[in-house]
C-alpha atoms as a PDB file:
ATOM      1  CA  MET A   1      -9.082 -75.200 -63.770  1.00  0.00           C
ATOM      2  CA  LYS A   2     -11.231 -72.641 -65.548  1.00  0.00           C
ATOM      3  CA  THR A   3     -14.282 -73.936 -63.709  1.00  0.00           C
ATOM      4  CA  TYR A   4     -13.132 -72.997 -60.221  1.00  0.00           C
ATOM      5  CA  VAL A   5     -11.783 -69.646 -61.393  1.00  0.00           C
ATOM      6  CA  THR A   6     -15.109 -68.890 -63.045  1.00  0.00           C
ATOM      7  CA  ALA A   7     -16.956 -70.056 -59.942  1.00  0.00           C
ATOM      8  CA  PHE A   8     -14.892 -67.684 -57.813  1.00  0.00           C
ATOM      9  CA  GLY A   9     -15.647 -64.888 -60.219  1.00  0.00           C
ATOM     10  CA  LEU A  10     -19.357 -65.580 -60.061  1.00  0.00           C
ATOM     11  CA  LEU A  11     -19.297 -65.772 -56.264  1.00  0.00           C
ATOM     12  CA  PHE A  12     -17.400 -62.490 -55.972  1.00  0.00           C
ATOM     13  CA  LEU A  13     -19.581 -60.824 -58.573  1.00  0.00           C
ATOM     14  CA  GLY A  14     -22.649 -62.191 -56.765  1.00  0.00           C
ATOM     15  CA  TRP A  15     -21.445 -60.665 -53.515  1.00  0.00           C
ATOM     16  CA  PHE A  16     -20.775 -57.377 -55.229  1.00  0.00           C
ATOM     17  CA  THR A  17     -24.149 -57.363 -57.006  1.00  0.00           C
ATOM     18  CA  THR A  18     -26.022 -58.113 -53.793  1.00  0.00           C
ATOM     19  CA  HIS A  19     -24.292 -55.314 -51.954  1.00  0.00           C
ATOM     20  CA  ALA A  20     -24.609 -52.883 -54.849  1.00  0.00           C
ATOM     21  CA  GLU A  21     -28.346 -53.575 -55.087  1.00  0.00           C
ATOM     22  CA  ASN A  22     -28.671 -53.008 -51.353  1.00  0.00           C
ATOM     23  CA  GLY A  23     -26.797 -49.727 -51.594  1.00  0.00           C
ATOM     24  CA  PHE A  24     -23.729 -51.090 -49.762  1.00  0.00           C
ATOM     25  CA  ARG A  25     -25.579 -50.710 -46.467  1.00  0.00           C
ATOM     26  CA  GLN A  26     -23.430 -50.817 -43.394  1.00  0.00           C
ATOM     27  CA  PRO A  27     -22.947 -54.362 -42.102  1.00  0.00           C
ATOM     28  CA  THR A  28     -24.954 -55.255 -39.043  1.00  0.00           C
ATOM     29  CA  ALA A  29     -25.403 -58.501 -37.173  1.00  0.00           C
ATOM     30  CA  GLY A  30     -28.646 -59.002 -39.103  1.00  0.00           C
ATOM     31  CA  ASN A  31     -27.253 -58.655 -42.614  1.00  0.00           C
ATOM     32  CA  LEU A  32     -23.852 -60.275 -42.339  1.00  0.00           C
ATOM     33  CA  ALA A  33     -23.702 -63.509 -44.299  1.00  0.00           C
ATOM     34  CA  PRO A  34     -22.193 -66.489 -42.501  1.00  0.00           C
ATOM     35  CA  THR A  35     -18.652 -67.266 -43.480  1.00  0.00           C
ATOM     36  CA  THR A  36     -18.125 -69.880 -46.133  1.00  0.00           C
ATOM     37  CA  GLN A  37     -15.352 -71.576 -44.179  1.00  0.00           C
ATOM     38  CA  ALA A  38     -17.703 -74.173 -42.679  1.00  0.00           C
ATOM     39  CA  SER A  39     -19.572 -74.771 -45.928  1.00  0.00           C
ATOM     40  CA  ALA A  40     -16.343 -75.064 -47.917  1.00  0.00           C
ATOM     41  CA  SER A  41     -14.823 -77.602 -45.576  1.00  0.00           C
ATOM     42  CA  SER A  42     -18.027 -79.635 -45.330  1.00  0.00           C
ATOM     43  CA  SER A  43     -18.333 -79.787 -49.133  1.00  0.00           C
ATOM     44  CA  GLN A  44     -14.835 -81.224 -49.466  1.00  0.00           C
ATOM     45  CA  ALA A  45     -15.346 -84.954 -49.226  1.00  0.00           C
ATOM     46  CA  LYS A  46     -12.350 -87.108 -48.434  1.00  0.00           C
ATOM     47  CA  VAL A  47     -10.240 -87.586 -51.532  1.00  0.00           C
ATOM     48  CA  ASP A  48      -7.924 -90.542 -51.868  1.00  0.00           C
ATOM     49  CA  PRO A  49      -4.526 -89.136 -50.765  1.00  0.00           C
ATOM     50  CA  ALA A  50      -2.690 -90.448 -53.846  1.00  0.00           C
ATOM     51  CA  LYS A  51      -5.311 -88.998 -56.195  1.00  0.00           C
ATOM     52  CA  GLU A  52      -5.293 -85.721 -54.254  1.00  0.00           C
ATOM     53  CA  ALA A  53      -1.523 -85.480 -54.681  1.00  0.00           C
ATOM     54  CA  ASP A  54      -1.944 -86.063 -58.424  1.00  0.00           C
ATOM     55  CA  ILE A  55      -4.676 -83.423 -58.653  1.00  0.00           C
ATOM     56  CA  ARG A  56      -2.500 -80.929 -56.809  1.00  0.00           C
ATOM     57  CA  ARG A  57       0.375 -81.776 -59.167  1.00  0.00           C
ATOM     58  CA  LEU A  58      -1.928 -81.191 -62.148  1.00  0.00           C
ATOM     59  CA  LEU A  59      -3.088 -77.857 -60.735  1.00  0.00           C
ATOM     60  CA  GLU A  60       0.536 -76.871 -60.179  1.00  0.00           C
ATOM     61  CA  LEU A  61       1.499 -77.855 -63.729  1.00  0.00           C
ATOM     62  CA  THR A  62      -1.383 -75.863 -65.183  1.00  0.00           C
ATOM     63  CA  GLY A  63      -0.540 -72.734 -63.202  1.00  0.00           C
ATOM     64  CA  ALA A  64      -3.882 -72.700 -61.384  1.00  0.00           C
ATOM     65  CA  LYS A  65      -2.764 -70.227 -58.711  1.00  0.00           C
ATOM     66  CA  ALA A  66      -1.321 -67.761 -61.211  1.00  0.00           C
ATOM     67  CA  LEU A  67      -4.424 -67.957 -63.367  1.00  0.00           C
ATOM     68  CA  ALA A  68      -6.622 -67.420 -60.301  1.00  0.00           C
ATOM     69  CA  VAL A  69      -4.631 -64.307 -59.358  1.00  0.00           C
ATOM     70  CA  GLN A  70      -4.787 -63.015 -62.932  1.00  0.00           C
ATOM     71  CA  THR A  71      -8.534 -63.568 -63.058  1.00  0.00           C
ATOM     72  CA  MET A  72      -9.067 -61.859 -59.704  1.00  0.00           C
ATOM     73  CA  THR A  73      -7.033 -58.863 -60.899  1.00  0.00           C
ATOM     74  CA  SER A  74      -8.984 -58.702 -64.149  1.00  0.00           C
ATOM     75  CA  MET A  75     -12.276 -58.882 -62.275  1.00  0.00           C
ATOM     76  CA  GLU A  76     -11.116 -56.186 -59.891  1.00  0.00           C
ATOM     77  CA  ASP A  77     -10.333 -53.891 -62.810  1.00  0.00           C
ATOM     78  CA  GLY A  78     -13.856 -54.450 -64.120  1.00  0.00           C
ATOM     79  CA  ILE A  79     -15.593 -54.197 -60.751  1.00  0.00           C
ATOM     80  CA  LYS A  80     -13.951 -50.975 -59.528  1.00  0.00           C
ATOM     81  CA  PRO A  81     -15.855 -48.749 -62.002  1.00  0.00           C
ATOM     82  CA  LEU A  82     -19.113 -50.579 -61.189  1.00  0.00           C
ATOM     83  CA  MET A  83     -18.567 -49.990 -57.487  1.00  0.00           C
ATOM     84  CA  SER A  84     -17.725 -46.354 -58.072  1.00  0.00           C
ATOM     85  CA  ASN A  85     -20.831 -45.828 -60.187  1.00  0.00           C
ATOM     86  CA  SER A  86     -23.098 -47.590 -57.685  1.00  0.00           C
ATOM     87  CA  LEU A  87     -21.936 -45.613 -54.636  1.00  0.00           C
ATOM     88  CA  PRO A  88     -23.203 -42.102 -53.998  1.00  0.00           C
ATOM     89  CA  PRO A  89     -20.691 -39.418 -55.029  1.00  0.00           C
ATOM     90  CA  GLY A  90     -18.368 -38.045 -52.406  1.00  0.00           C
ATOM     91  CA  ASP A  91     -14.765 -37.698 -51.327  1.00  0.00           C
ATOM     92  CA  TYR A  92     -15.053 -40.970 -49.379  1.00  0.00           C
ATOM     93  CA  ARG A  93     -15.782 -43.152 -52.435  1.00  0.00           C
ATOM     94  CA  ASP A  94     -12.276 -43.769 -53.832  1.00  0.00           C
ATOM     95  CA  LYS A  95     -10.888 -44.333 -50.350  1.00  0.00           C
ATOM     96  CA  LEU A  96     -13.674 -46.799 -49.513  1.00  0.00           C
ATOM     97  CA  ILE A  97     -13.068 -48.761 -52.707  1.00  0.00           C
ATOM     98  CA  ASP A  98      -9.292 -48.828 -52.151  1.00  0.00           C
ATOM     99  CA  LEU A  99      -9.745 -49.914 -48.529  1.00  0.00           C
ATOM    100  CA  PHE A 100     -12.236 -52.584 -49.595  1.00  0.00           C
ATOM    101  CA  PHE A 101      -9.783 -54.085 -52.084  1.00  0.00           C
ATOM    102  CA  ASP A 102      -6.924 -53.843 -49.572  1.00  0.00           C
ATOM    103  CA  LYS A 103      -9.049 -55.804 -47.102  1.00  0.00           C
ATOM    104  CA  PHE A 104     -10.160 -58.240 -49.797  1.00  0.00           C
ATOM    105  CA  HIS A 105      -6.539 -58.867 -50.870  1.00  0.00           C
ATOM    106  CA  SER A 106      -5.546 -59.493 -47.258  1.00  0.00           C
ATOM    107  CA  LYS A 107      -8.172 -62.244 -47.073  1.00  0.00           C
ATOM    108  CA  ALA A 108      -7.964 -63.673 -50.602  1.00  0.00           C
ATOM    109  CA  ASP A 109      -5.655 -66.643 -50.910  1.00  0.00           C
ATOM    110  CA  ALA A 110      -5.157 -68.358 -54.255  1.00  0.00           C
ATOM    111  CA  GLN A 111      -4.180 -71.529 -52.376  1.00  0.00           C
ATOM    112  CA  HIS A 112      -7.708 -71.681 -50.967  1.00  0.00           C
ATOM    113  CA  LEU A 113      -9.051 -71.745 -54.526  1.00  0.00           C
ATOM    114  CA  VAL A 114      -6.756 -74.685 -55.264  1.00  0.00           C
ATOM    115  CA  ASP A 115      -8.067 -76.429 -52.145  1.00  0.00           C
ATOM    116  CA  ILE A 116     -11.628 -75.849 -53.360  1.00  0.00           C
ATOM    117  CA  ALA A 117     -10.728 -77.247 -56.784  1.00  0.00           C
ATOM    118  CA  VAL A 118      -9.365 -80.569 -55.493  1.00  0.00           C
ATOM    119  CA  PRO A 119     -12.721 -82.220 -54.662  1.00  0.00           C
ATOM    120  CA  VAL A 120     -14.232 -80.862 -57.865  1.00  0.00           C
ATOM    121  CA  TYR A 121     -11.473 -82.438 -59.934  1.00  0.00           C
ATOM    122  CA  ASP A 122     -11.927 -85.605 -57.885  1.00  0.00           C
ATOM    123  CA  LYS A 123     -15.629 -85.611 -58.693  1.00  0.00           C
ATOM    124  CA  TYR A 124     -15.281 -85.226 -62.453  1.00  0.00           C
ATOM    125  CA  LEU A 125     -11.982 -86.936 -63.283  1.00  0.00           C
ATOM    126  CA  THR A 126     -10.821 -90.445 -62.575  1.00  0.00           C
ATOM    127  CA  GLY A 127      -7.364 -91.078 -61.190  1.00  0.00           C
ATOM    128  CA  GLU A 128      -6.229 -92.309 -64.596  1.00  0.00           C
ATOM    129  CA  GLU A 129      -7.573 -89.198 -66.311  1.00  0.00           C
ATOM    130  CA  VAL A 130      -5.704 -86.983 -63.854  1.00  0.00           C
ATOM    131  CA  LYS A 131      -2.505 -88.955 -64.533  1.00  0.00           C
ATOM    132  CA  GLY A 132      -3.098 -88.600 -68.282  1.00  0.00           C
ATOM    133  CA  LEU A 133      -3.486 -84.845 -67.957  1.00  0.00           C
ATOM    134  CA  ILE A 134      -0.305 -84.684 -65.866  1.00  0.00           C
ATOM    135  CA  LYS A 135       1.548 -86.530 -68.616  1.00  0.00           C
ATOM    136  CA  PHE A 136       0.204 -84.094 -71.191  1.00  0.00           C
ATOM    137  CA  TYR A 137       1.097 -80.996 -69.180  1.00  0.00           C
ATOM    138  CA  GLU A 138       4.621 -82.330 -68.634  1.00  0.00           C
ATOM    139  CA  THR A 139       5.176 -82.421 -72.412  1.00  0.00           C
ATOM    140  CA  PRO A 140       6.530 -79.435 -74.336  1.00  0.00           C
ATOM    141  CA  LEU A 141       3.076 -78.883 -75.863  1.00  0.00           C
ATOM    142  CA  GLY A 142       1.438 -79.033 -72.438  1.00  0.00           C
ATOM    143  CA  GLN A 143       3.952 -76.552 -71.048  1.00  0.00           C
ATOM    144  CA  LYS A 144       3.342 -74.248 -74.014  1.00  0.00           C
ATOM    145  CA  ALA A 145      -0.409 -74.486 -73.404  1.00  0.00           C
ATOM    146  CA  THR A 146       0.157 -73.567 -69.755  1.00  0.00           C
ATOM    147  CA  GLY A 147       2.426 -70.670 -70.707  1.00  0.00           C
ATOM    148  CA  VAL A 148       0.063 -69.105 -73.242  1.00  0.00           C
ATOM    149  CA  MET A 149      -3.220 -69.886 -71.458  1.00  0.00           C
ATOM    150  CA  PRO A 150      -3.227 -66.766 -69.231  1.00  0.00           C
ATOM    151  CA  LYS A 151      -2.557 -64.561 -72.266  1.00  0.00           C
ATOM    152  CA  MET A 152      -5.246 -66.352 -74.261  1.00  0.00           C
ATOM    153  CA  VAL A 153      -7.786 -66.061 -71.442  1.00  0.00           C
ATOM    154  CA  SER A 154      -7.001 -62.364 -70.988  1.00  0.00           C
ATOM    155  CA  GLU A 155      -7.329 -61.671 -74.695  1.00  0.00           C
ATOM    156  CA  ILE A 156     -10.565 -63.647 -74.959  1.00  0.00           C
ATOM    157  CA  GLN A 157     -11.985 -61.821 -71.913  1.00  0.00           C
ATOM    158  CA  GLY A 158     -11.125 -58.450 -73.450  1.00  0.00           C
ATOM    159  CA  GLU A 159     -12.611 -59.332 -76.827  1.00  0.00           C
ATOM    160  CA  SER A 160     -15.682 -60.873 -75.169  1.00  0.00           C
ATOM    161  CA  ARG A 161     -16.225 -57.780 -73.035  1.00  0.00           C
ATOM    162  CA  ALA A 162     -16.021 -55.511 -76.096  1.00  0.00           C
ATOM    163  CA  TRP A 163     -18.369 -57.791 -78.040  1.00  0.00           C
ATOM    164  CA  GLY A 164     -20.852 -57.889 -75.146  1.00  0.00           C
ATOM    165  CA  GLU A 165     -20.788 -54.111 -74.795  1.00  0.00           C
ATOM    166  CA  LYS A 166     -21.402 -53.716 -78.540  1.00  0.00           C
ATOM    167  CA  LEU A 167     -24.320 -56.168 -78.457  1.00  0.00           C
ATOM    168  CA  GLY A 168     -25.695 -54.398 -75.404  1.00  0.00           C
ATOM    169  CA  ARG A 169     -25.587 -50.988 -77.087  1.00  0.00           C
ATOM    170  CA  GLU A 170     -27.146 -52.361 -80.284  1.00  0.00           C
ATOM    171  CA  SER A 171     -29.887 -54.178 -78.368  1.00  0.00           C
ATOM    172  CA  MET A 172     -30.753 -51.084 -76.325  1.00  0.00           C
ATOM    173  CA  MET A 173     -30.848 -48.870 -79.421  1.00  0.00           C
ATOM    174  CA  GLU A 174     -33.117 -51.367 -81.207  1.00  0.00           C
ATOM    175  CA  VAL A 175     -35.472 -51.722 -78.218  1.00  0.00           C
ATOM    176  CA  LEU A 176     -35.749 -47.948 -77.889  1.00  0.00           C
ATOM    177  CA  ALA A 177     -36.332 -47.571 -81.653  1.00  0.00           C
ATOM    178  CA  GLU A 178     -39.026 -50.270 -81.581  1.00  0.00           C
ATOM    179  CA  HIS A 179     -40.720 -48.764 -78.506  1.00  0.00           C
ATOM    180  CA  PRO A 180     -40.696 -44.945 -78.782  1.00  0.00           C
ATOM    181  CA  GLU A 181     -42.951 -44.644 -75.719  1.00  0.00           C
ATOM    182  CA  ILE A 182     -40.230 -46.278 -73.604  1.00  0.00           C
ATOM    183  CA  GLU A 183     -37.568 -44.055 -75.144  1.00  0.00           C
ATOM    184  CA  LYS A 184     -39.657 -40.992 -74.225  1.00  0.00           C
ATOM    185  CA  ALA A 185     -40.188 -42.304 -70.679  1.00  0.00           C
ATOM    186  CA  LEU A 186     -36.421 -42.807 -70.355  1.00  0.00           C
ATOM    187  CA  GLU A 187     -35.699 -39.284 -71.589  1.00  0.00           C
ATOM    188  CA  ASP A 188     -38.277 -37.863 -69.178  1.00  0.00           C
ATOM    189  CA  ALA A 189     -36.781 -39.820 -66.280  1.00  0.00           C
ATOM    190  CA  GLN A 190     -33.283 -38.563 -67.160  1.00  0.00           C
ATOM    191  CA  LYS A 191     -34.511 -34.956 -67.264  1.00  0.00           C
ATOM    192  CA  ALA A 192     -36.309 -35.359 -63.930  1.00  0.00           C
ATOM    193  CA  SER A 193     -33.218 -36.779 -62.230  1.00  0.00           C
ATOM    194  CA  GLN A 194     -30.943 -33.912 -63.306  1.00  0.00           C
ATOM    195  CA  PRO A 195     -30.535 -31.067 -60.827  1.00  0.00           C
ATOM    196  CA  GLN A 196     -32.303 -27.917 -61.920  1.00  0.00           C
END
């Protein structure tokens, strides 16, 4: 379950990074990426119908859709400031970002993520393993795990983000302290980029 949510996050973040690096240039026929609809459907090999039903039951028991929505919302909260900082200043910026996420939400469907997950689960888990996981998630302990998992993931993401930011700051400070010529070049570049 975490795998397909993470994969979605990486795909979305990859899209965002590509467009941020390219300055969010206006889409044209030459730079529009082909839709993933064809590639998604071609990558989904035929799954035994009984096993597919079990996988879907497992995904339902584990709250896959809700976790996908929670993860998308969390990513959105993290991506909005990045988008804002990467776009040139102007009155249009907040409106563009809001309209982008409105459009994205109108297209995003957690059920599609479940559909993507089915062949992946089929690939890595046998039918008996899927049935075993269903049995576990039908127990009180399994239901508790499902109930607390979104909170645990959210808390871990928050703590991980703070830890990563701290390591990033420390690493940058150490690099600049070890290489004063780079620190001076950075300071000079900052001064040159400020309006006079």
